[in-house]
C-alpha atoms as a PDB file:
ATOM      1  CA  UNK A   1     -29.022 -43.409  26.432  1.00  0.00           C
ATOM      2  CA  UNK A   2     -32.433 -42.268  27.670  1.00  0.00           C
ATOM      3  CA  UNK A   3     -33.172 -38.914  29.271  1.00  0.00           C
ATOM      4  CA  UNK A   4     -33.463 -40.602  32.662  1.00  0.00           C
ATOM      5  CA  UNK A   5     -29.996 -42.100  32.333  1.00  0.00           C
ATOM      6  CA  UNK A   6     -28.534 -38.844  31.026  1.00  0.00           C
ATOM      7  CA  UNK A   7     -30.029 -36.942  33.963  1.00  0.00           C
ATOM      8  CA  UNK A   8     -28.718 -39.503  36.456  1.00  0.00           C
ATOM      9  CA  UNK A   9     -25.222 -39.525  34.918  1.00  0.00           C
ATOM     10  CA  UNK A  10     -25.056 -35.734  34.899  1.00  0.00           C
ATOM     11  CA  UNK A  11     -26.064 -35.396  38.516  1.00  0.00           C
ATOM     12  CA  UNK A  12     -23.652 -38.056  39.731  1.00  0.00           C
ATOM     13  CA  UNK A  13     -20.752 -35.930  38.528  1.00  0.00           C
ATOM     14  CA  UNK A  14     -20.248 -37.920  35.337  1.00  0.00           C
ATOM     15  CA  UNK A  15     -20.246 -36.197  31.976  1.00  0.00           C
ATOM     16  CA  UNK A  16     -22.927 -37.212  29.503  1.00  0.00           C
ATOM     17  CA  UNK A  17     -22.173 -38.886  26.203  1.00  0.00           C
ATOM     18  CA  UNK A  18     -21.249 -36.252  23.595  1.00  0.00           C
ATOM     19  CA  UNK A  19     -24.000 -37.534  21.299  1.00  0.00           C
ATOM     20  CA  UNK A  20     -26.554 -36.416  23.917  1.00  0.00           C
ATOM     21  CA  UNK A  21     -25.273 -32.822  23.975  1.00  0.00           C
ATOM     22  CA  UNK A  22     -26.768 -29.960  21.960  1.00  0.00           C
ATOM     23  CA  UNK A  23     -25.124 -26.877  20.517  1.00  0.00           C
ATOM     24  CA  UNK A  24     -25.983 -23.280  21.384  1.00  0.00           C
ATOM     25  CA  UNK A  25     -28.400 -22.892  18.466  1.00  0.00           C
ATOM     26  CA  UNK A  26     -30.368 -26.011  19.441  1.00  0.00           C
ATOM     27  CA  UNK A  27     -30.373 -24.901  23.089  1.00  0.00           C
ATOM     28  CA  UNK A  28     -31.788 -21.502  22.091  1.00  0.00           C
ATOM     29  CA  UNK A  29     -34.518 -23.166  20.039  1.00  0.00           C
ATOM     30  CA  UNK A  30     -35.363 -25.468  22.925  1.00  0.00           C
ATOM     31  CA  UNK A  31     -35.591 -22.500  25.327  1.00  0.00           C
ATOM     32  CA  UNK A  32     -37.408 -20.340  22.772  1.00  0.00           C
ATOM     33  CA  UNK A  33     -34.834 -17.578  23.133  1.00  0.00           C
ATOM     34  CA  UNK A  34     -32.249 -15.885  20.917  1.00  0.00           C
ATOM     35  CA  UNK A  35     -28.820 -17.504  20.652  1.00  0.00           C
ATOM     36  CA  UNK A  36     -27.330 -14.420  22.305  1.00  0.00           C
ATOM     37  CA  UNK A  37     -29.282 -15.181  25.516  1.00  0.00           C
ATOM     38  CA  UNK A  38     -27.831 -18.699  25.719  1.00  0.00           C
ATOM     39  CA  UNK A  39     -24.334 -17.356  25.082  1.00  0.00           C
ATOM     40  CA  UNK A  40     -24.844 -14.840  27.907  1.00  0.00           C
ATOM     41  CA  UNK A  41     -25.970 -17.629  30.263  1.00  0.00           C
ATOM     42  CA  UNK A  42     -22.764 -19.476  29.417  1.00  0.00           C
ATOM     43  CA  UNK A  43     -20.538 -16.398  29.781  1.00  0.00           C
ATOM     44  CA  UNK A  44     -22.090 -15.612  33.173  1.00  0.00           C
ATOM     45  CA  UNK A  45     -21.851 -19.303  34.124  1.00  0.00           C
ATOM     46  CA  UNK A  46     -25.544 -19.414  34.981  1.00  0.00           C
ATOM     47  CA  UNK A  47     -25.950 -22.749  33.190  1.00  0.00           C
ATOM     48  CA  UNK A  48     -23.717 -25.828  33.047  1.00  0.00           C
ATOM     49  CA  UNK A  49     -21.907 -26.338  29.758  1.00  0.00           C
ATOM     50  CA  UNK A  50     -19.212 -28.546  28.301  1.00  0.00           C
ATOM     51  CA  UNK A  51     -16.246 -27.625  26.147  1.00  0.00           C
ATOM     52  CA  UNK A  52     -15.634 -30.138  23.374  1.00  0.00           C
ATOM     53  CA  UNK A  53     -12.457 -28.859  21.806  1.00  0.00           C
ATOM     54  CA  UNK A  54     -13.300 -25.296  20.859  1.00  0.00           C
ATOM     55  CA  UNK A  55     -17.043 -25.991  20.789  1.00  0.00           C
ATOM     56  CA  UNK A  56     -19.551 -25.361  23.556  1.00  0.00           C
ATOM     57  CA  UNK A  57     -22.235 -27.969  24.175  1.00  0.00           C
ATOM     58  CA  UNK A  58     -25.095 -28.217  26.659  1.00  0.00           C
ATOM     59  CA  UNK A  59     -26.838 -31.208  28.162  1.00  0.00           C
ATOM     60  CA  UNK A  60     -30.625 -31.211  27.608  1.00  0.00           C
ATOM     61  CA  UNK A  61     -31.046 -32.270  31.262  1.00  0.00           C
ATOM     62  CA  UNK A  62     -29.251 -29.075  32.327  1.00  0.00           C
ATOM     63  CA  UNK A  63     -31.597 -27.039  30.124  1.00  0.00           C
ATOM     64  CA  UNK A  64     -34.553 -28.742  31.806  1.00  0.00           C
ATOM     65  CA  UNK A  65     -33.053 -27.958  35.232  1.00  0.00           C
ATOM     66  CA  UNK A  66     -32.580 -24.307  34.217  1.00  0.00           C
ATOM     67  CA  UNK A  67     -36.218 -24.095  33.135  1.00  0.00           C
ATOM     68  CA  UNK A  68     -37.392 -25.778  36.358  1.00  0.00           C
ATOM     69  CA  UNK A  69     -35.319 -23.378  38.480  1.00  0.00           C
ATOM     70  CA  UNK A  70     -37.169 -20.460  36.916  1.00  0.00           C
ATOM     71  CA  UNK A  71     -40.598 -21.872  37.682  1.00  0.00           C
ATOM     72  CA  UNK A  72     -42.891 -19.414  39.434  1.00  0.00           C
ATOM     73  CA  UNK A  73     -45.950 -20.833  41.137  1.00  0.00           C
ATOM     74  CA  UNK A  74     -49.225 -18.928  40.868  1.00  0.00           C
ATOM     75  CA  UNK A  75     -50.244 -16.826  43.838  1.00  0.00           C
ATOM     76  CA  UNK A  76     -53.679 -16.859  45.360  1.00  0.00           C
END
């Protein structure tokens, strides 16, 4: 499944394929932050996550959306 299809499936209310999901460590590396920060985002429900059994997984499209939401345009 390509990123475009994953993004479309996620935003239509469908859950992505579990092979597309990343764990907390991979999400932290992708964001360039400590693992603790990602865990706090999850605990505060500031980012969408999925429970797979006892494991927490994140969709890369949701990470991209989180990054985009924090975008600050330059001022003139």
